Every structure is written in structure tokens, then in C-alpha cells.
Amino acid sequence: MIPDFDIKQLNNIYIGDIDPNDYPDFCDAYIESADYGDRELTDEECEWITDTYPEIVQEKAFDQLL
């Protein structure tokens, strides 16, 4: 968990395990890497964001497919 998490500081998001057949849910997709402000997120933080904000994963997975 990131204390005082501000979604606006999340950038350079890369989604892993995108299966186009899972559209629109992308149930296997997850945040593989991302930056928060000026630092790279840990694997645990990426997992927390994936679990807590699945809409981010869905949106970014769709964007990566385009």
C-alpha cells in the first residue's frame, strides 16, 4: 500500500499478460511496471494498485492494444 496514494502521480504504466480475447475485462492483465512521481514502483506496489484499482488496468490494457 502507498500512503496517501494520488492516482495523478502514476505514470509510465506498462500492463502485462494482455489477452485480446478477454476484452473488456482483461482478467489476467496486471501492472507489470509503473512510476509513482519520480520513482519506480516495487512489485508489491504494482500488485496493490492492480488489486485496488482494476479500472486502471483495464483502461491501460485497452490503450496498449491500440
PDB file of N, CA and C in Angstrom:
ATOM      1  N   MET A   1       0.836  -1.194   0.000  1.00  0.00           N
ATOM      2  CA  MET A   1       0.000   0.000   0.000  1.00  0.00           C
ATOM      3  C   MET A   1       0.872   1.247   0.000  1.00  0.00           C
ATOM      4  N   ILE A   2       0.418   2.251  -0.708  1.00  0.00           N
ATOM      5  CA  ILE A   2       1.130   3.517  -0.762  1.00  0.00           C
ATOM      6  C   ILE A   2       0.342   4.528   0.074  1.00  0.00           C
ATOM      7  N   PRO A   3       0.935   5.026   1.158  1.00  0.00           N
ATOM      8  CA  PRO A   3       0.219   6.006   1.984  1.00  0.00           C
ATOM      9  C   PRO A   3      -0.135   7.243   1.164  1.00  0.00           C
ATOM     10  N   ASP A   4      -1.331   7.755   1.365  1.00  0.00           N
ATOM     11  CA  ASP A   4      -1.794   8.962   0.669  1.00  0.00           C
ATOM     12  C   ASP A   4      -1.658   8.835  -0.849  1.00  0.00           C
ATOM     13  N   PHE A   5      -2.018   7.669  -1.391  1.00  0.00           N
ATOM     14  CA  PHE A   5      -1.896   7.413  -2.821  1.00  0.00           C
ATOM     15  C   PHE A   5      -2.676   8.442  -3.628  1.00  0.00           C
ATOM     16  N   ASP A   6      -2.003   9.028  -4.618  1.00  0.00           N
ATOM     17  CA  ASP A   6      -2.610  10.007  -5.522  1.00  0.00           C
ATOM     18  C   ASP A   6      -2.482   9.466  -6.942  1.00  0.00           C
ATOM     19  N   ILE A   7      -3.576   9.040  -7.518  1.00  0.00           N
ATOM     20  CA  ILE A   7      -3.576   8.409  -8.837  1.00  0.00           C
ATOM     21  C   ILE A   7      -2.957   9.310  -9.909  1.00  0.00           C
ATOM     22  N   LYS A   8      -2.993  10.606  -9.708  1.00  0.00           N
ATOM     23  CA  LYS A   8      -2.444  11.550 -10.678  1.00  0.00           C
ATOM     24  C   LYS A   8      -0.922  11.457 -10.786  1.00  0.00           C
ATOM     25  N   GLN A   9      -0.273  10.869  -9.788  1.00  0.00           N
ATOM     26  CA  GLN A   9       1.177  10.733  -9.804  1.00  0.00           C
ATOM     27  C   GLN A   9       1.644   9.432 -10.450  1.00  0.00           C
ATOM     28  N   LEU A  10       0.698   8.602 -10.875  1.00  0.00           N
ATOM     29  CA  LEU A  10       1.008   7.322 -11.512  1.00  0.00           C
ATOM     30  C   LEU A  10       1.263   7.559 -12.998  1.00  0.00           C
ATOM     31  N   ASN A  11       2.418   7.106 -13.498  1.00  0.00           N
ATOM     32  CA  ASN A  11       2.735   7.291 -14.911  1.00  0.00           C
ATOM     33  C   ASN A  11       3.627   6.168 -15.417  1.00  0.00           C
ATOM     34  N   ASN A  12       3.888   6.167 -16.706  1.00  0.00           N
ATOM     35  CA  ASN A  12       4.709   5.130 -17.352  1.00  0.00           C
ATOM     36  C   ASN A  12       4.222   3.724 -16.999  1.00  0.00           C
ATOM     37  N   ILE A  13       2.928   3.536 -17.079  1.00  0.00           N
ATOM     38  CA  ILE A  13       2.305   2.262 -16.703  1.00  0.00           C
ATOM     39  C   ILE A  13       2.435   1.266 -17.851  1.00  0.00           C
ATOM     40  N   TYR A  14       2.975   0.088 -17.542  1.00  0.00           N
ATOM     41  CA  TYR A  14       3.055  -0.997 -18.522  1.00  0.00           C
ATOM     42  C   TYR A  14       2.240  -2.168 -17.990  1.00  0.00           C
ATOM     43  N   ILE A  15       1.315  -2.648 -18.812  1.00  0.00           N
ATOM     44  CA  ILE A  15       0.439  -3.753 -18.424  1.00  0.00           C
ATOM     45  C   ILE A  15       0.956  -5.047 -19.028  1.00  0.00           C
ATOM     46  N   GLY A  16       1.026  -6.090 -18.214  1.00  0.00           N
ATOM     47  CA  GLY A  16       1.461  -7.391 -18.685  1.00  0.00           C
ATOM     48  C   GLY A  16       0.303  -8.356 -18.828  1.00  0.00           C
ATOM     49  N   ASP A  17       0.516  -9.399 -19.624  1.00  0.00           N
ATOM     50  CA  ASP A  17      -0.418 -10.513 -19.814  1.00  0.00           C
ATOM     51  C   ASP A  17      -1.773 -10.071 -20.363  1.00  0.00           C
ATOM     52  N   ILE A  18      -1.734  -9.236 -21.402  1.00  0.00           N
ATOM     53  CA  ILE A  18      -2.966  -8.776 -22.041  1.00  0.00           C
ATOM     54  C   ILE A  18      -3.390  -9.815 -23.081  1.00  0.00           C
ATOM     55  N   ASP A  19      -4.599 -10.306 -22.939  1.00  0.00           N
ATOM     56  CA  ASP A  19      -5.181 -11.242 -23.891  1.00  0.00           C
ATOM     57  C   ASP A  19      -6.363 -10.550 -24.558  1.00  0.00           C
ATOM     58  N   PRO A  20      -6.263 -10.240 -25.856  1.00  0.00           N
ATOM     59  CA  PRO A  20      -7.359  -9.543 -26.537  1.00  0.00           C
ATOM     60  C   PRO A  20      -8.693 -10.281 -26.432  1.00  0.00           C
ATOM     61  N   ASN A  21      -8.655 -11.594 -26.262  1.00  0.00           N
ATOM     62  CA  ASN A  21      -9.892 -12.364 -26.135  1.00  0.00           C
ATOM     63  C   ASN A  21     -10.607 -12.096 -24.816  1.00  0.00           C
ATOM     64  N   ASP A  22      -9.909 -11.485 -23.856  1.00  0.00           N
ATOM     65  CA  ASP A  22     -10.503 -11.154 -22.559  1.00  0.00           C
ATOM     66  C   ASP A  22     -11.197  -9.795 -22.543  1.00  0.00           C
ATOM     67  N   TYR A  23     -11.168  -9.086 -23.676  1.00  0.00           N
ATOM     68  CA  TYR A  23     -11.796  -7.766 -23.729  1.00  0.00           C
ATOM     69  C   TYR A  23     -13.265  -7.874 -23.356  1.00  0.00           C
ATOM     70  N   PRO A  24     -13.824  -7.007 -22.544  1.00  0.00           N
ATOM     71  CA  PRO A  24     -13.269  -5.778 -21.996  1.00  0.00           C
ATOM     72  C   PRO A  24     -12.712  -5.940 -20.584  1.00  0.00           C
ATOM     73  N   ASP A  25     -12.763  -7.153 -20.041  1.00  0.00           N
ATOM     74  CA  ASP A  25     -12.349  -7.346 -18.649  1.00  0.00           C
ATOM     75  C   ASP A  25     -10.843  -7.466 -18.450  1.00  0.00           C
ATOM     76  N   PHE A  26     -10.151  -8.071 -19.410  1.00  0.00           N
ATOM     77  CA  PHE A  26      -8.707  -8.301 -19.283  1.00  0.00           C
ATOM     78  C   PHE A  26      -8.370  -8.897 -17.913  1.00  0.00           C
ATOM     79  N   CYS A  27      -9.045 -10.002 -17.592  1.00  0.00           N
ATOM     80  CA  CYS A  27      -8.981 -10.580 -16.245  1.00  0.00           C
ATOM     81  C   CYS A  27      -7.585 -11.055 -15.838  1.00  0.00           C
ATOM     82  N   ASP A  28      -6.705 -11.367 -16.791  1.00  0.00           N
ATOM     83  CA  ASP A  28      -5.356 -11.824 -16.439  1.00  0.00           C
ATOM     84  C   ASP A  28      -4.323 -10.702 -16.469  1.00  0.00           C
ATOM     85  N   ALA A  29      -4.718  -9.532 -16.932  1.00  0.00           N
ATOM     86  CA  ALA A  29      -3.788  -8.416 -17.053  1.00  0.00           C
ATOM     87  C   ALA A  29      -3.425  -7.861 -15.670  1.00  0.00           C
ATOM     88  N   TYR A  30      -2.228  -7.297 -15.592  1.00  0.00           N
ATOM     89  CA  TYR A  30      -1.748  -6.729 -14.327  1.00  0.00           C
ATOM     90  C   TYR A  30      -0.730  -5.631 -14.628  1.00  0.00           C
ATOM     91  N   ILE A  31      -0.494  -4.771 -13.665  1.00  0.00           N
ATOM     92  CA  ILE A  31       0.525  -3.736 -13.824  1.00  0.00           C
ATOM     93  C   ILE A  31       1.882  -4.391 -13.634  1.00  0.00           C
ATOM     94  N   GLU A  32       2.645  -4.434 -14.716  1.00  0.00           N
ATOM     95  CA  GLU A  32       3.971  -5.050 -14.665  1.00  0.00           C
ATOM     96  C   GLU A  32       5.007  -4.065 -14.140  1.00  0.00           C
ATOM     97  N   SER A  33       4.858  -2.794 -14.555  1.00  0.00           N
ATOM     98  CA  SER A  33       5.752  -1.752 -14.057  1.00  0.00           C
ATOM     99  C   SER A  33       5.058  -0.401 -14.186  1.00  0.00           C
ATOM    100  N   ALA A  34       5.486   0.516 -13.357  1.00  0.00           N
ATOM    101  CA  ALA A  34       4.946   1.875 -13.378  1.00  0.00           C
ATOM    102  C   ALA A  34       5.823   2.758 -12.504  1.00  0.00           C
ATOM    103  N   ASP A  35       5.667   4.038 -12.704  1.00  0.00           N
ATOM    104  CA  ASP A  35       6.354   5.016 -11.861  1.00  0.00           C
ATOM    105  C   ASP A  35       5.315   5.745 -11.034  1.00  0.00           C
ATOM    106  N   TYR A  36       5.738   6.145  -9.858  1.00  0.00           N
ATOM    107  CA  TYR A  36       4.893   6.958  -8.990  1.00  0.00           C
ATOM    108  C   TYR A  36       5.698   8.203  -8.661  1.00  0.00           C
ATOM    109  N   GLY A  37       5.285   9.317  -9.252  1.00  0.00           N
ATOM    110  CA  GLY A  37       6.092  10.520  -9.099  1.00  0.00           C
ATOM    111  C   GLY A  37       7.410  10.313  -9.817  1.00  0.00           C
ATOM    112  N   ASP A  38       8.492  10.383  -9.076  1.00  0.00           N
ATOM    113  CA  ASP A  38       9.820  10.255  -9.685  1.00  0.00           C
ATOM    114  C   ASP A  38      10.510   8.929  -9.357  1.00  0.00           C
ATOM    115  N   ARG A  39       9.756   7.935  -8.878  1.00  0.00           N
ATOM    116  CA  ARG A  39      10.389   6.660  -8.551  1.00  0.00           C
ATOM    117  C   ARG A  39       9.624   5.486  -9.167  1.00  0.00           C
ATOM    118  N   GLU A  40      10.363   4.411  -9.403  1.00  0.00           N
ATOM    119  CA  GLU A  40       9.748   3.203  -9.941  1.00  0.00           C
ATOM    120  C   GLU A  40       9.065   2.443  -8.804  1.00  0.00           C
ATOM    121  N   LEU A  41       7.882   1.912  -9.088  1.00  0.00           N
ATOM    122  CA  LEU A  41       7.152   1.153  -8.080  1.00  0.00           C
ATOM    123  C   LEU A  41       7.769  -0.232  -7.883  1.00  0.00           C
ATOM    124  N   THR A  42       7.638  -0.745  -6.674  1.00  0.00           N
ATOM    125  CA  THR A  42       8.073  -2.105  -6.394  1.00  0.00           C
ATOM    126  C   THR A  42       7.033  -3.082  -6.937  1.00  0.00           C
ATOM    127  N   ASP A  43       7.395  -4.347  -7.023  1.00  0.00           N
ATOM    128  CA  ASP A  43       6.436  -5.361  -7.469  1.00  0.00           C
ATOM    129  C   ASP A  43       5.225  -5.408  -6.555  1.00  0.00           C
ATOM    130  N   GLU A  44       5.452  -5.260  -5.259  1.00  0.00           N
ATOM    131  CA  GLU A  44       4.354  -5.289  -4.294  1.00  0.00           C
ATOM    132  C   GLU A  44       3.407  -4.110  -4.489  1.00  0.00           C
ATOM    133  N   GLU A  45       3.957  -2.945  -4.773  1.00  0.00           N
ATOM    134  CA  GLU A  45       3.124  -1.765  -5.010  1.00  0.00           C
ATOM    135  C   GLU A  45       2.324  -1.917  -6.309  1.00  0.00           C
ATOM    136  N   CYS A  46       2.948  -2.467  -7.342  1.00  0.00           N
ATOM    137  CA  CYS A  46       2.227  -2.714  -8.601  1.00  0.00           C
ATOM    138  C   CYS A  46       1.078  -3.689  -8.370  1.00  0.00           C
ATOM    139  N   GLU A  47       1.330  -4.716  -7.575  1.00  0.00           N
ATOM    140  CA  GLU A  47       0.281  -5.685  -7.268  1.00  0.00           C
ATOM    141  C   GLU A  47      -0.856  -5.032  -6.487  1.00  0.00           C
ATOM    142  N   TRP A  48      -0.520  -4.181  -5.529  1.00  0.00           N
ATOM    143  CA  TRP A  48      -1.536  -3.493  -4.731  1.00  0.00           C
ATOM    144  C   TRP A  48      -2.412  -2.609  -5.614  1.00  0.00           C
ATOM    145  N   ILE A  49      -1.788  -1.855  -6.528  1.00  0.00           N
ATOM    146  CA  ILE A  49      -2.560  -0.982  -7.416  1.00  0.00           C
ATOM    147  C   ILE A  49      -3.434  -1.820  -8.347  1.00  0.00           C
ATOM    148  N   THR A  50      -2.887  -2.924  -8.866  1.00  0.00           N
ATOM    149  CA  THR A  50      -3.665  -3.819  -9.728  1.00  0.00           C
ATOM    150  C   THR A  50      -4.910  -4.312  -9.005  1.00  0.00           C
ATOM    151  N   ASP A  51      -4.752  -4.711  -7.750  1.00  0.00           N
ATOM    152  CA  ASP A  51      -5.880  -5.232  -6.972  1.00  0.00           C
ATOM    153  C   ASP A  51      -6.856  -4.148  -6.530  1.00  0.00           C
ATOM    154  N   THR A  52      -6.335  -2.978  -6.215  1.00  0.00           N
ATOM    155  CA  THR A  52      -7.152  -1.904  -5.661  1.00  0.00           C
ATOM    156  C   THR A  52      -7.833  -1.057  -6.737  1.00  0.00           C
ATOM    157  N   TYR A  53      -7.185  -0.911  -7.877  1.00  0.00           N
ATOM    158  CA  TYR A  53      -7.689  -0.065  -8.964  1.00  0.00           C
ATOM    159  C   TYR A  53      -7.750  -0.849 -10.280  1.00  0.00           C
ATOM    160  N   PRO A  54      -8.603  -1.871 -10.369  1.00  0.00           N
ATOM    161  CA  PRO A  54      -8.663  -2.679 -11.597  1.00  0.00           C
ATOM    162  C   PRO A  54      -9.072  -1.873 -12.829  1.00  0.00           C
ATOM    163  N   GLU A  55      -9.767  -0.760 -12.628  1.00  0.00           N
ATOM    164  CA  GLU A  55     -10.163   0.066 -13.766  1.00  0.00           C
ATOM    165  C   GLU A  55      -8.953   0.665 -14.484  1.00  0.00           C
ATOM    166  N   ILE A  56      -7.879   0.921 -13.731  1.00  0.00           N
ATOM    167  CA  ILE A  56      -6.649   1.423 -14.346  1.00  0.00           C
ATOM    168  C   ILE A  56      -6.069   0.351 -15.264  1.00  0.00           C
ATOM    169  N   VAL A  57      -6.051  -0.878 -14.785  1.00  0.00           N
ATOM    170  CA  VAL A  57      -5.520  -1.987 -15.573  1.00  0.00           C
ATOM    171  C   VAL A  57      -6.336  -2.155 -16.852  1.00  0.00           C
ATOM    172  N   GLN A  58      -7.644  -2.124 -16.737  1.00  0.00           N
ATOM    173  CA  GLN A  58      -8.497  -2.282 -17.912  1.00  0.00           C
ATOM    174  C   GLN A  58      -8.275  -1.161 -18.920  1.00  0.00           C
ATOM    175  N   GLU A  59      -8.236   0.062 -18.449  1.00  0.00           N
ATOM    176  CA  GLU A  59      -8.049   1.204 -19.336  1.00  0.00           C
ATOM    177  C   GLU A  59      -6.703   1.155 -20.043  1.00  0.00           C
ATOM    178  N   LYS A  60      -5.652   0.903 -19.287  1.00  0.00           N
ATOM    179  CA  LYS A  60      -4.305   0.888 -19.867  1.00  0.00           C
ATOM    180  C   LYS A  60      -4.099  -0.335 -20.762  1.00  0.00           C
ATOM    181  N   ALA A  61      -4.704  -1.466 -20.433  1.00  0.00           N
ATOM    182  CA  ALA A  61      -4.611  -2.655 -21.280  1.00  0.00           C
ATOM    183  C   ALA A  61      -5.244  -2.359 -22.637  1.00  0.00           C
ATOM    184  N   PHE A  62      -6.398  -1.731 -22.638  1.00  0.00           N
ATOM    185  CA  PHE A  62      -7.045  -1.365 -23.883  1.00  0.00           C
ATOM    186  C   PHE A  62      -6.168  -0.404 -24.684  1.00  0.00           C
ATOM    187  N   ASP A  63      -5.589   0.589 -24.017  1.00  0.00           N
ATOM    188  CA  ASP A  63      -4.721   1.567 -24.688  1.00  0.00           C
ATOM    189  C   ASP A  63      -3.518   0.878 -25.327  1.00  0.00           C
ATOM    190  N   GLN A  64      -2.934  -0.106 -24.654  1.00  0.00           N
ATOM    191  CA  GLN A  64      -1.758  -0.796 -25.179  1.00  0.00           C
ATOM    192  C   GLN A  64      -2.114  -1.650 -26.408  1.00  0.00           C
ATOM    193  N   LEU A  65      -3.348  -2.094 -26.502  1.00  0.00           N
ATOM    194  CA  LEU A  65      -3.752  -2.887 -27.657  1.00  0.00           C
ATOM    195  C   LEU A  65      -3.902  -2.040 -28.921  1.00  0.00           C
ATOM    196  N   LEU A  66      -4.155  -0.757 -28.754  1.00  0.00           N
ATOM    197  CA  LEU A  66      -4.372   0.113 -29.916  1.00  0.00           C
ATOM    198  C   LEU A  66      -3.102   0.402 -30.652  1.00  0.00           C
TER     199      LEU A  66
END
